[in-house]
C-alpha atoms as a PDB file:
ATOM      1  CA  UNK A   1       0.000   0.000   0.000  1.00  0.00           C
ATOM      2  CA  UNK A   2       1.258   3.441  -0.897  1.00  0.00           C
ATOM      3  CA  UNK A   3       0.920   6.210   1.661  1.00  0.00           C
ATOM      4  CA  UNK A   4       0.308   9.615   0.152  1.00  0.00           C
ATOM      5  CA  UNK A   5      -0.454  13.142   1.187  1.00  0.00           C
ATOM      6  CA  UNK A   6      -3.495  14.850  -0.263  1.00  0.00           C
ATOM      7  CA  UNK A   7      -3.775  18.577  -0.670  1.00  0.00           C
ATOM      8  CA  UNK A   8      -6.607  20.064   1.348  1.00  0.00           C
ATOM      9  CA  UNK A   9      -7.097  23.219  -0.735  1.00  0.00           C
ATOM     10  CA  UNK A  10     -10.254  22.968  -2.816  1.00  0.00           C
ATOM     11  CA  UNK A  11      -8.436  24.144  -5.967  1.00  0.00           C
ATOM     12  CA  UNK A  12      -5.948  21.275  -5.702  1.00  0.00           C
ATOM     13  CA  UNK A  13      -8.131  18.501  -4.323  1.00  0.00           C
ATOM     14  CA  UNK A  14      -7.797  16.409  -7.485  1.00  0.00           C
ATOM     15  CA  UNK A  15      -4.030  15.902  -7.070  1.00  0.00           C
ATOM     16  CA  UNK A  16      -2.395  13.595  -4.544  1.00  0.00           C
ATOM     17  CA  UNK A  17       1.305  14.249  -4.062  1.00  0.00           C
ATOM     18  CA  UNK A  18       3.857  11.467  -3.533  1.00  0.00           C
ATOM     19  CA  UNK A  19       5.822  10.781  -0.383  1.00  0.00           C
ATOM     20  CA  UNK A  20       9.607  10.402  -0.436  1.00  0.00           C
ATOM     21  CA  UNK A  21      11.044   6.988  -1.278  1.00  0.00           C
ATOM     22  CA  UNK A  22      11.593   4.817   1.790  1.00  0.00           C
ATOM     23  CA  UNK A  23      14.712   2.828   0.953  1.00  0.00           C
ATOM     24  CA  UNK A  24      15.761   3.235  -2.651  1.00  0.00           C
ATOM     25  CA  UNK A  25      18.566   4.555  -4.782  1.00  0.00           C
ATOM     26  CA  UNK A  26      19.903   8.053  -4.295  1.00  0.00           C
ATOM     27  CA  UNK A  27      18.785   8.874  -7.832  1.00  0.00           C
ATOM     28  CA  UNK A  28      15.136   8.288  -6.866  1.00  0.00           C
ATOM     29  CA  UNK A  29      15.441  10.635  -3.906  1.00  0.00           C
ATOM     30  CA  UNK A  30      17.140  13.256  -6.077  1.00  0.00           C
ATOM     31  CA  UNK A  31      14.310  13.075  -8.628  1.00  0.00           C
ATOM     32  CA  UNK A  32      11.681  13.306  -5.885  1.00  0.00           C
ATOM     33  CA  UNK A  33      13.383  16.263  -4.174  1.00  0.00           C
ATOM     34  CA  UNK A  34      13.853  18.145  -7.449  1.00  0.00           C
ATOM     35  CA  UNK A  35      10.190  17.567  -8.396  1.00  0.00           C
ATOM     36  CA  UNK A  36       8.824  18.754  -5.044  1.00  0.00           C
ATOM     37  CA  UNK A  37      11.145  21.781  -5.001  1.00  0.00           C
ATOM     38  CA  UNK A  38      10.123  22.879  -8.491  1.00  0.00           C
ATOM     39  CA  UNK A  39       6.420  22.187  -7.880  1.00  0.00           C
ATOM     40  CA  UNK A  40       6.299  25.047  -5.377  1.00  0.00           C
ATOM     41  CA  UNK A  41       7.911  27.487  -7.804  1.00  0.00           C
ATOM     42  CA  UNK A  42       5.752  26.990 -10.909  1.00  0.00           C
ATOM     43  CA  UNK A  43       3.869  30.260 -11.471  1.00  0.00           C
ATOM     44  CA  UNK A  44       0.470  28.791 -12.323  1.00  0.00           C
ATOM     45  CA  UNK A  45      -2.750  28.398 -10.378  1.00  0.00           C
ATOM     46  CA  UNK A  46      -3.759  25.099 -12.025  1.00  0.00           C
ATOM     47  CA  UNK A  47      -2.258  22.147 -10.198  1.00  0.00           C
ATOM     48  CA  UNK A  48      -2.287  19.921 -13.324  1.00  0.00           C
ATOM     49  CA  UNK A  49      -0.060  22.403 -15.142  1.00  0.00           C
ATOM     50  CA  UNK A  50       2.225  22.699 -12.121  1.00  0.00           C
ATOM     51  CA  UNK A  51       2.663  18.905 -11.947  1.00  0.00           C
ATOM     52  CA  UNK A  52       3.337  18.607 -15.688  1.00  0.00           C
ATOM     53  CA  UNK A  53       5.820  21.475 -15.610  1.00  0.00           C
ATOM     54  CA  UNK A  54       7.617  20.037 -12.576  1.00  0.00           C
ATOM     55  CA  UNK A  55       7.859  16.597 -14.237  1.00  0.00           C
ATOM     56  CA  UNK A  56       9.309  18.096 -17.412  1.00  0.00           C
ATOM     57  CA  UNK A  57      11.722  20.341 -15.506  1.00  0.00           C
ATOM     58  CA  UNK A  58      12.923  17.432 -13.362  1.00  0.00           C
ATOM     59  CA  UNK A  59      13.440  15.254 -16.430  1.00  0.00           C
ATOM     60  CA  UNK A  60      15.445  17.963 -18.175  1.00  0.00           C
ATOM     61  CA  UNK A  61      17.650  18.755 -15.171  1.00  0.00           C
ATOM     62  CA  UNK A  62      18.293  15.110 -14.219  1.00  0.00           C
ATOM     63  CA  UNK A  63      18.745  14.007 -17.876  1.00  0.00           C
ATOM     64  CA  UNK A  64      15.936  11.423 -17.802  1.00  0.00           C
ATOM     65  CA  UNK A  65      12.908  11.029 -20.022  1.00  0.00           C
ATOM     66  CA  UNK A  66       9.618  12.607 -18.973  1.00  0.00           C
ATOM     67  CA  UNK A  67       8.000   9.155 -18.914  1.00  0.00           C
ATOM     68  CA  UNK A  68      10.654   7.766 -16.542  1.00  0.00           C
ATOM     69  CA  UNK A  69      10.213  10.611 -14.061  1.00  0.00           C
ATOM     70  CA  UNK A  70       6.415  10.338 -14.227  1.00  0.00           C
ATOM     71  CA  UNK A  71       6.557   6.557 -13.669  1.00  0.00           C
ATOM     72  CA  UNK A  72       8.824   6.965 -10.649  1.00  0.00           C
ATOM     73  CA  UNK A  73       6.509   9.584  -9.146  1.00  0.00           C
ATOM     74  CA  UNK A  74       3.429   7.442  -9.795  1.00  0.00           C
ATOM     75  CA  UNK A  75       5.145   4.532  -8.064  1.00  0.00           C
ATOM     76  CA  UNK A  76       5.812   6.882  -5.131  1.00  0.00           C
ATOM     77  CA  UNK A  77       2.121   7.811  -4.961  1.00  0.00           C
ATOM     78  CA  UNK A  78       1.469  10.710  -7.349  1.00  0.00           C
ATOM     79  CA  UNK A  79      -2.191  10.739  -8.398  1.00  0.00           C
ATOM     80  CA  UNK A  80      -3.373  13.412 -10.807  1.00  0.00           C
ATOM     81  CA  UNK A  81      -5.648  13.800 -13.841  1.00  0.00           C
ATOM     82  CA  UNK A  82      -4.408  12.569 -17.207  1.00  0.00           C
ATOM     83  CA  UNK A  83      -3.756  16.181 -18.197  1.00  0.00           C
ATOM     84  CA  UNK A  84      -0.965  16.378 -15.621  1.00  0.00           C
ATOM     85  CA  UNK A  85       1.181  13.662 -17.232  1.00  0.00           C
ATOM     86  CA  UNK A  86       3.424  13.769 -20.315  1.00  0.00           C
ATOM     87  CA  UNK A  87       2.089  12.111 -23.461  1.00  0.00           C
ATOM     88  CA  UNK A  88       4.935   9.559 -23.497  1.00  0.00           C
ATOM     89  CA  UNK A  89       3.981   8.354 -20.028  1.00  0.00           C
ATOM     90  CA  UNK A  90       0.306   8.158 -20.976  1.00  0.00           C
ATOM     91  CA  UNK A  91       1.167   6.004 -24.003  1.00  0.00           C
ATOM     92  CA  UNK A  92       3.340   3.730 -21.850  1.00  0.00           C
ATOM     93  CA  UNK A  93       0.784   3.506 -19.057  1.00  0.00           C
ATOM     94  CA  UNK A  94      -2.124   2.795 -21.409  1.00  0.00           C
ATOM     95  CA  UNK A  95      -0.140   0.068 -23.199  1.00  0.00           C
ATOM     96  CA  UNK A  96       0.945  -1.457 -19.887  1.00  0.00           C
ATOM     97  CA  UNK A  97      -2.593  -1.481 -18.507  1.00  0.00           C
ATOM     98  CA  UNK A  98      -3.734  -3.514 -21.516  1.00  0.00           C
ATOM     99  CA  UNK A  99      -1.387  -6.327 -20.413  1.00  0.00           C
ATOM    100  CA  UNK A 100      -1.684  -8.594 -17.427  1.00  0.00           C
ATOM    101  CA  UNK A 101       0.538  -7.951 -14.430  1.00  0.00           C
ATOM    102  CA  UNK A 102       2.675 -11.009 -15.121  1.00  0.00           C
ATOM    103  CA  UNK A 103       3.661 -10.088 -18.682  1.00  0.00           C
ATOM    104  CA  UNK A 104       6.803  -8.221 -19.643  1.00  0.00           C
ATOM    105  CA  UNK A 105       5.873  -4.555 -19.870  1.00  0.00           C
ATOM    106  CA  UNK A 106       2.878  -5.067 -17.605  1.00  0.00           C
ATOM    107  CA  UNK A 107       1.642  -2.407 -15.203  1.00  0.00           C
ATOM    108  CA  UNK A 108       3.122  -1.758 -11.782  1.00  0.00           C
ATOM    109  CA  UNK A 109       1.032  -1.486  -8.621  1.00  0.00           C
ATOM    110  CA  UNK A 110       1.279   2.300  -8.873  1.00  0.00           C
ATOM    111  CA  UNK A 111      -0.195   2.222 -12.381  1.00  0.00           C
ATOM    112  CA  UNK A 112      -3.102   0.067 -11.188  1.00  0.00           C
ATOM    113  CA  UNK A 113      -3.729   2.546  -8.374  1.00  0.00           C
ATOM    114  CA  UNK A 114      -3.482   5.471 -10.822  1.00  0.00           C
ATOM    115  CA  UNK A 115      -6.030   3.820 -13.125  1.00  0.00           C
ATOM    116  CA  UNK A 116      -8.371   3.279 -10.164  1.00  0.00           C
ATOM    117  CA  UNK A 117      -7.892   6.935  -9.235  1.00  0.00           C
ATOM    118  CA  UNK A 118      -8.738   8.015 -12.792  1.00  0.00           C
ATOM    119  CA  UNK A 119     -11.865   5.847 -12.719  1.00  0.00           C
ATOM    120  CA  UNK A 120     -12.955   7.356  -9.373  1.00  0.00           C
ATOM    121  CA  UNK A 121     -12.434  10.930 -10.529  1.00  0.00           C
ATOM    122  CA  UNK A 122     -14.348  10.515 -13.777  1.00  0.00           C
ATOM    123  CA  UNK A 123     -11.556  10.390 -16.346  1.00  0.00           C
ATOM    124  CA  UNK A 124     -12.406   8.883 -19.729  1.00  0.00           C
ATOM    125  CA  UNK A 125     -12.339   5.087 -19.338  1.00  0.00           C
ATOM    126  CA  UNK A 126     -11.623   4.598 -23.042  1.00  0.00           C
ATOM    127  CA  UNK A 127      -8.809   7.140 -23.409  1.00  0.00           C
ATOM    128  CA  UNK A 128      -6.307   4.336 -24.052  1.00  0.00           C
ATOM    129  CA  UNK A 129      -8.170   3.291 -27.183  1.00  0.00           C
ATOM    130  CA  UNK A 130      -8.569   6.796 -28.577  1.00  0.00           C
ATOM    131  CA  UNK A 131      -4.844   7.411 -28.945  1.00  0.00           C
ATOM    132  CA  UNK A 132      -5.285  11.162 -28.474  1.00  0.00           C
ATOM    133  CA  UNK A 133      -3.030  12.541 -25.770  1.00  0.00           C
ATOM    134  CA  UNK A 134      -3.943  16.200 -25.885  1.00  0.00           C
ATOM    135  CA  UNK A 135      -2.984  17.910 -22.668  1.00  0.00           C
ATOM    136  CA  UNK A 136      -5.420  20.801 -22.764  1.00  0.00           C
ATOM    137  CA  UNK A 137      -9.028  20.240 -23.673  1.00  0.00           C
ATOM    138  CA  UNK A 138     -10.327  23.757 -23.311  1.00  0.00           C
ATOM    139  CA  UNK A 139     -11.702  25.871 -26.057  1.00  0.00           C
ATOM    140  CA  UNK A 140     -11.310  29.609 -26.134  1.00  0.00           C
ATOM    141  CA  UNK A 141     -13.365  31.848 -28.379  1.00  0.00           C
ATOM    142  CA  UNK A 142     -12.409  35.432 -29.128  1.00  0.00           C
END
């Protein structure tokens, strides 16, 4: 079971932040610390954008792919809407969730918990089959 902290502010109630790794490699702790440090400094009021920006910043600084950083954070307990994750991670996660847990490339426990979180919060259950990984789904008319 993954223990997580949930934000109590009503604007950020749809994001659950991860806790630090218990006993893992120093690289995991460095990624976690860099993500949490940058998350506070993103100048945006939308938590989904802050999470996405912090994931991308952490990946760039630590010289990892966005999908790798997102997977590590999900395994540590990050739960957020699909909009908050990079498209590469969404492709990987959707492909992994189509496999059983015993197959190579199958989903981790964190991915199963993330999928359950998406189902509880009303995310599109068939997003994996659509193949569209647009990050913003808002229309603006001038």
